[in-house]
Amino acid sequence: MKAEPRDHCRKLLEQVSRYLDGDLTPAERRTITQHLRQCPCCQTMADSLQHTVEVCRKAGGARLPADVRSRAKARIATLLSSGPVHRPRT
């Protein structure tokens, strides 16, 4: 029984992150590349993910101001010293 296109897209999209990172075998890359050329929806998704990754990488290089880092470290230390927080489920 042949898989529905949506199932095929879903399976390939599970690998898009690895595809963008270059972590697939050559055969897997060819399969996804071919699919992206034929499926505008998946190509849009891959382009969007690539853009998001680039933005995150650029933002990750930004250094926070010293006062913000200091407050964040103090807050983290307070949270760690107070033990686990149990929040009611909503």
N, C-alpha and C. Protein backbone atom coordinates (compact mmCIF):
# COMPACT_ATOMS: atom_id res chain seq x y z
N MET A 1 0.84 -1.18 0.00
CA MET A 1 0.00 0.00 0.00
C MET A 1 0.89 1.25 0.00
N LYS A 2 0.63 2.15 -0.91
CA LYS A 2 1.44 3.36 -1.04
C LYS A 2 1.06 4.38 0.04
N ALA A 3 2.07 5.03 0.64
CA ALA A 3 1.80 6.02 1.68
C ALA A 3 1.18 7.27 1.06
N GLU A 4 0.31 7.89 1.80
CA GLU A 4 -0.29 9.16 1.37
C GLU A 4 0.81 10.22 1.33
N PRO A 5 0.66 11.20 0.44
CA PRO A 5 1.67 12.26 0.37
C PRO A 5 1.91 12.94 1.71
N ARG A 6 0.85 13.12 2.48
CA ARG A 6 1.04 13.77 3.78
C ARG A 6 1.94 12.95 4.69
N ASP A 7 1.78 11.64 4.67
CA ASP A 7 2.63 10.77 5.47
C ASP A 7 4.08 10.88 4.99
N HIS A 8 4.25 10.91 3.68
CA HIS A 8 5.60 11.02 3.09
C HIS A 8 6.24 12.34 3.53
N CYS A 9 5.49 13.43 3.44
CA CYS A 9 6.00 14.74 3.86
C CYS A 9 6.37 14.72 5.34
N ARG A 10 5.50 14.18 6.15
CA ARG A 10 5.74 14.15 7.59
C ARG A 10 7.03 13.40 7.90
N LYS A 11 7.24 12.27 7.27
CA LYS A 11 8.46 11.49 7.52
C LYS A 11 9.71 12.25 7.08
N LEU A 12 9.63 12.91 5.94
CA LEU A 12 10.79 13.68 5.47
C LEU A 12 11.04 14.90 6.35
N LEU A 13 9.98 15.56 6.78
CA LEU A 13 10.15 16.77 7.58
C LEU A 13 10.76 16.46 8.95
N GLU A 14 10.61 15.23 9.40
CA GLU A 14 11.26 14.84 10.65
C GLU A 14 12.78 14.89 10.50
N GLN A 15 13.27 14.83 9.27
CA GLN A 15 14.72 14.83 9.02
C GLN A 15 15.25 16.18 8.53
N VAL A 16 14.39 17.16 8.36
CA VAL A 16 14.82 18.44 7.78
C VAL A 16 15.91 19.10 8.61
N SER A 17 15.81 19.05 9.91
CA SER A 17 16.84 19.67 10.75
C SER A 17 18.19 19.03 10.50
N ARG A 18 18.22 17.71 10.44
CA ARG A 18 19.47 17.00 10.15
C ARG A 18 19.94 17.32 8.73
N TYR A 19 19.01 17.48 7.81
CA TYR A 19 19.33 17.84 6.43
C TYR A 19 20.03 19.20 6.40
N LEU A 20 19.46 20.18 7.10
CA LEU A 20 20.02 21.52 7.11
C LEU A 20 21.38 21.56 7.79
N ASP A 21 21.58 20.68 8.76
CA ASP A 21 22.87 20.61 9.46
C ASP A 21 23.91 19.77 8.72
N GLY A 22 23.49 19.13 7.61
CA GLY A 22 24.42 18.29 6.85
C GLY A 22 24.71 16.96 7.52
N ASP A 23 23.78 16.49 8.35
CA ASP A 23 23.99 15.26 9.11
C ASP A 23 23.33 14.03 8.51
N LEU A 24 23.04 14.03 7.23
CA LEU A 24 22.41 12.88 6.58
C LEU A 24 23.39 12.21 5.62
N THR A 25 23.09 10.99 5.29
CA THR A 25 23.89 10.29 4.29
C THR A 25 23.62 10.94 2.93
N PRO A 26 24.50 10.76 1.98
CA PRO A 26 24.25 11.31 0.65
C PRO A 26 22.91 10.85 0.06
N ALA A 27 22.56 9.60 0.27
CA ALA A 27 21.29 9.09 -0.26
C ALA A 27 20.10 9.78 0.40
N GLU A 28 20.17 9.98 1.71
CA GLU A 28 19.09 10.67 2.42
C GLU A 28 18.98 12.12 1.95
N ARG A 29 20.13 12.77 1.75
CA ARG A 29 20.13 14.17 1.27
C ARG A 29 19.48 14.26 -0.11
N ARG A 30 19.83 13.32 -1.00
CA ARG A 30 19.24 13.33 -2.34
C ARG A 30 17.72 13.17 -2.27
N THR A 31 17.27 12.27 -1.42
CA THR A 31 15.82 12.04 -1.28
C THR A 31 15.11 13.31 -0.83
N ILE A 32 15.65 13.97 0.18
CA ILE A 32 15.01 15.18 0.70
C ILE A 32 15.14 16.32 -0.30
N THR A 33 16.29 16.47 -0.93
CA THR A 33 16.46 17.52 -1.93
C THR A 33 15.44 17.37 -3.06
N GLN A 34 15.28 16.15 -3.53
CA GLN A 34 14.31 15.90 -4.60
C GLN A 34 12.89 16.23 -4.13
N HIS A 35 12.56 15.82 -2.91
CA HIS A 35 11.23 16.11 -2.40
C HIS A 35 11.00 17.61 -2.26
N LEU A 36 11.98 18.33 -1.74
CA LEU A 36 11.82 19.77 -1.57
C LEU A 36 11.62 20.49 -2.91
N ARG A 37 12.27 19.98 -3.95
CA ARG A 37 12.09 20.58 -5.29
C ARG A 37 10.67 20.38 -5.81
N GLN A 38 10.04 19.31 -5.38
CA GLN A 38 8.71 18.96 -5.90
C GLN A 38 7.57 19.38 -4.98
N CYS A 39 7.88 19.78 -3.76
CA CYS A 39 6.82 20.07 -2.78
C CYS A 39 7.01 21.48 -2.21
N PRO A 40 6.28 22.46 -2.74
CA PRO A 40 6.44 23.84 -2.27
C PRO A 40 6.17 24.00 -0.77
N CYS A 41 5.24 23.24 -0.24
CA CYS A 41 4.92 23.33 1.18
C CYS A 41 6.13 22.94 2.03
N CYS A 42 6.74 21.82 1.72
CA CYS A 42 7.92 21.37 2.47
C CYS A 42 9.10 22.30 2.24
N GLN A 43 9.25 22.83 1.03
CA GLN A 43 10.34 23.76 0.75
C GLN A 43 10.18 25.02 1.60
N THR A 44 8.95 25.51 1.72
CA THR A 44 8.68 26.68 2.56
C THR A 44 9.04 26.39 4.01
N MET A 45 8.66 25.21 4.47
CA MET A 45 8.97 24.81 5.85
C MET A 45 10.48 24.75 6.05
N ALA A 46 11.21 24.15 5.13
CA ALA A 46 12.66 24.04 5.24
C ALA A 46 13.32 25.42 5.22
N ASP A 47 12.84 26.29 4.33
CA ASP A 47 13.38 27.66 4.26
C ASP A 47 13.14 28.40 5.57
N SER A 48 11.95 28.24 6.12
CA SER A 48 11.60 28.90 7.38
C SER A 48 12.48 28.40 8.52
N LEU A 49 12.68 27.10 8.58
CA LEU A 49 13.54 26.53 9.62
C LEU A 49 14.98 27.02 9.46
N GLN A 50 15.46 27.06 8.23
CA GLN A 50 16.82 27.54 7.99
C GLN A 50 16.96 28.99 8.46
N HIS A 51 15.98 29.81 8.15
CA HIS A 51 16.00 31.21 8.58
C HIS A 51 16.00 31.31 10.10
N THR A 52 15.16 30.51 10.75
CA THR A 52 15.07 30.51 12.21
C THR A 52 16.40 30.11 12.84
N VAL A 53 17.03 29.09 12.29
CA VAL A 53 18.34 28.64 12.80
C VAL A 53 19.37 29.76 12.66
N GLU A 54 19.38 30.43 11.51
CA GLU A 54 20.33 31.52 11.30
C GLU A 54 20.11 32.65 12.29
N VAL A 55 18.85 33.01 12.51
CA VAL A 55 18.53 34.09 13.46
C VAL A 55 18.97 33.70 14.87
N CYS A 56 18.69 32.46 15.26
CA CYS A 56 19.08 32.00 16.60
C CYS A 56 20.59 31.99 16.77
N ARG A 57 21.30 31.57 15.75
CA ARG A 57 22.77 31.55 15.84
C ARG A 57 23.32 32.96 16.00
N LYS A 58 22.77 33.88 15.24
CA LYS A 58 23.23 35.27 15.35
C LYS A 58 22.90 35.85 16.71
N ALA A 59 21.69 35.58 17.21
CA ALA A 59 21.27 36.10 18.51
C ALA A 59 22.08 35.47 19.63
N GLY A 60 22.47 34.21 19.45
CA GLY A 60 23.25 33.52 20.48
C GLY A 60 24.63 34.13 20.68
N GLY A 61 25.11 34.84 19.70
CA GLY A 61 26.42 35.47 19.80
C GLY A 61 26.38 36.81 20.52
N ALA A 62 25.18 37.35 20.70
CA ALA A 62 25.05 38.66 21.36
C ALA A 62 25.31 38.49 22.86
N ARG A 63 26.07 39.39 23.40
CA ARG A 63 26.38 39.34 24.83
C ARG A 63 25.42 40.27 25.57
N LEU A 64 24.81 39.72 26.61
CA LEU A 64 23.90 40.53 27.42
C LEU A 64 24.69 41.55 28.23
N PRO A 65 24.06 42.68 28.57
CA PRO A 65 24.73 43.66 29.43
C PRO A 65 25.08 43.04 30.78
N ALA A 66 26.14 43.54 31.40
CA ALA A 66 26.64 42.98 32.65
C ALA A 66 25.57 42.94 33.74
N ASP A 67 24.76 43.99 33.85
CA ASP A 67 23.74 44.02 34.92
C ASP A 67 22.67 42.95 34.68
N VAL A 68 22.33 42.68 33.43
CA VAL A 68 21.35 41.64 33.12
C VAL A 68 21.93 40.27 33.45
N ARG A 69 23.18 40.04 33.09
CA ARG A 69 23.84 38.75 33.40
C ARG A 69 23.91 38.55 34.91
N SER A 70 24.24 39.60 35.62
CA SER A 70 24.37 39.53 37.07
C SER A 70 23.03 39.18 37.72
N ARG A 71 21.96 39.84 37.29
CA ARG A 71 20.62 39.56 37.84
C ARG A 71 20.19 38.14 37.49
N ALA A 72 20.47 37.70 36.27
CA ALA A 72 20.09 36.36 35.86
C ALA A 72 20.83 35.31 36.69
N LYS A 73 22.12 35.51 36.90
CA LYS A 73 22.89 34.56 37.71
C LYS A 73 22.36 34.50 39.14
N ALA A 74 22.04 35.66 39.69
CA ALA A 74 21.52 35.71 41.07
C ALA A 74 20.18 34.99 41.14
N ARG A 75 19.33 35.20 40.18
CA ARG A 75 18.01 34.55 40.17
C ARG A 75 18.15 33.05 40.01
N ILE A 76 19.03 32.61 39.14
CA ILE A 76 19.26 31.17 38.95
C ILE A 76 19.79 30.56 40.25
N ALA A 77 20.73 31.24 40.90
CA ALA A 77 21.27 30.74 42.16
C ALA A 77 20.17 30.62 43.21
N THR A 78 19.29 31.60 43.28
CA THR A 78 18.17 31.55 44.22
C THR A 78 17.26 30.38 43.92
N LEU A 79 16.93 30.20 42.65
CA LEU A 79 16.05 29.09 42.28
C LEU A 79 16.69 27.74 42.58
N LEU A 80 17.97 27.60 42.31
CA LEU A 80 18.66 26.34 42.56
C LEU A 80 18.77 26.04 44.05
N SER A 81 18.94 27.05 44.85
CA SER A 81 19.09 26.83 46.29
C SER A 81 17.76 26.55 46.98
N SER A 82 16.65 26.92 46.36
CA SER A 82 15.35 26.71 46.99
C SER A 82 14.77 25.33 46.73
N GLY A 83 15.44 24.53 45.92
CA GLY A 83 14.97 23.17 45.65
C GLY A 83 13.93 23.15 44.53
N PRO A 84 13.41 21.95 44.25
CA PRO A 84 12.46 21.82 43.15
C PRO A 84 11.16 22.56 43.42
N VAL A 85 10.63 23.11 42.37
CA VAL A 85 9.35 23.82 42.45
C VAL A 85 8.29 22.91 41.87
N HIS A 86 7.24 22.69 42.62
CA HIS A 86 6.13 21.87 42.16
C HIS A 86 4.98 22.79 41.82
N ARG A 87 4.67 22.85 40.55
CA ARG A 87 3.59 23.72 40.09
C ARG A 87 2.37 22.88 39.78
N PRO A 88 1.21 23.37 40.17
CA PRO A 88 -0.01 22.61 39.83
C PRO A 88 -0.23 22.59 38.34
N ARG A 89 -0.71 21.47 37.85
CA ARG A 89 -1.00 21.37 36.43
C ARG A 89 -2.31 22.10 36.14
N THR A 90 -2.31 22.75 35.00
CA THR A 90 -3.53 23.48 34.60
C THR A 90 -4.26 22.74 33.53
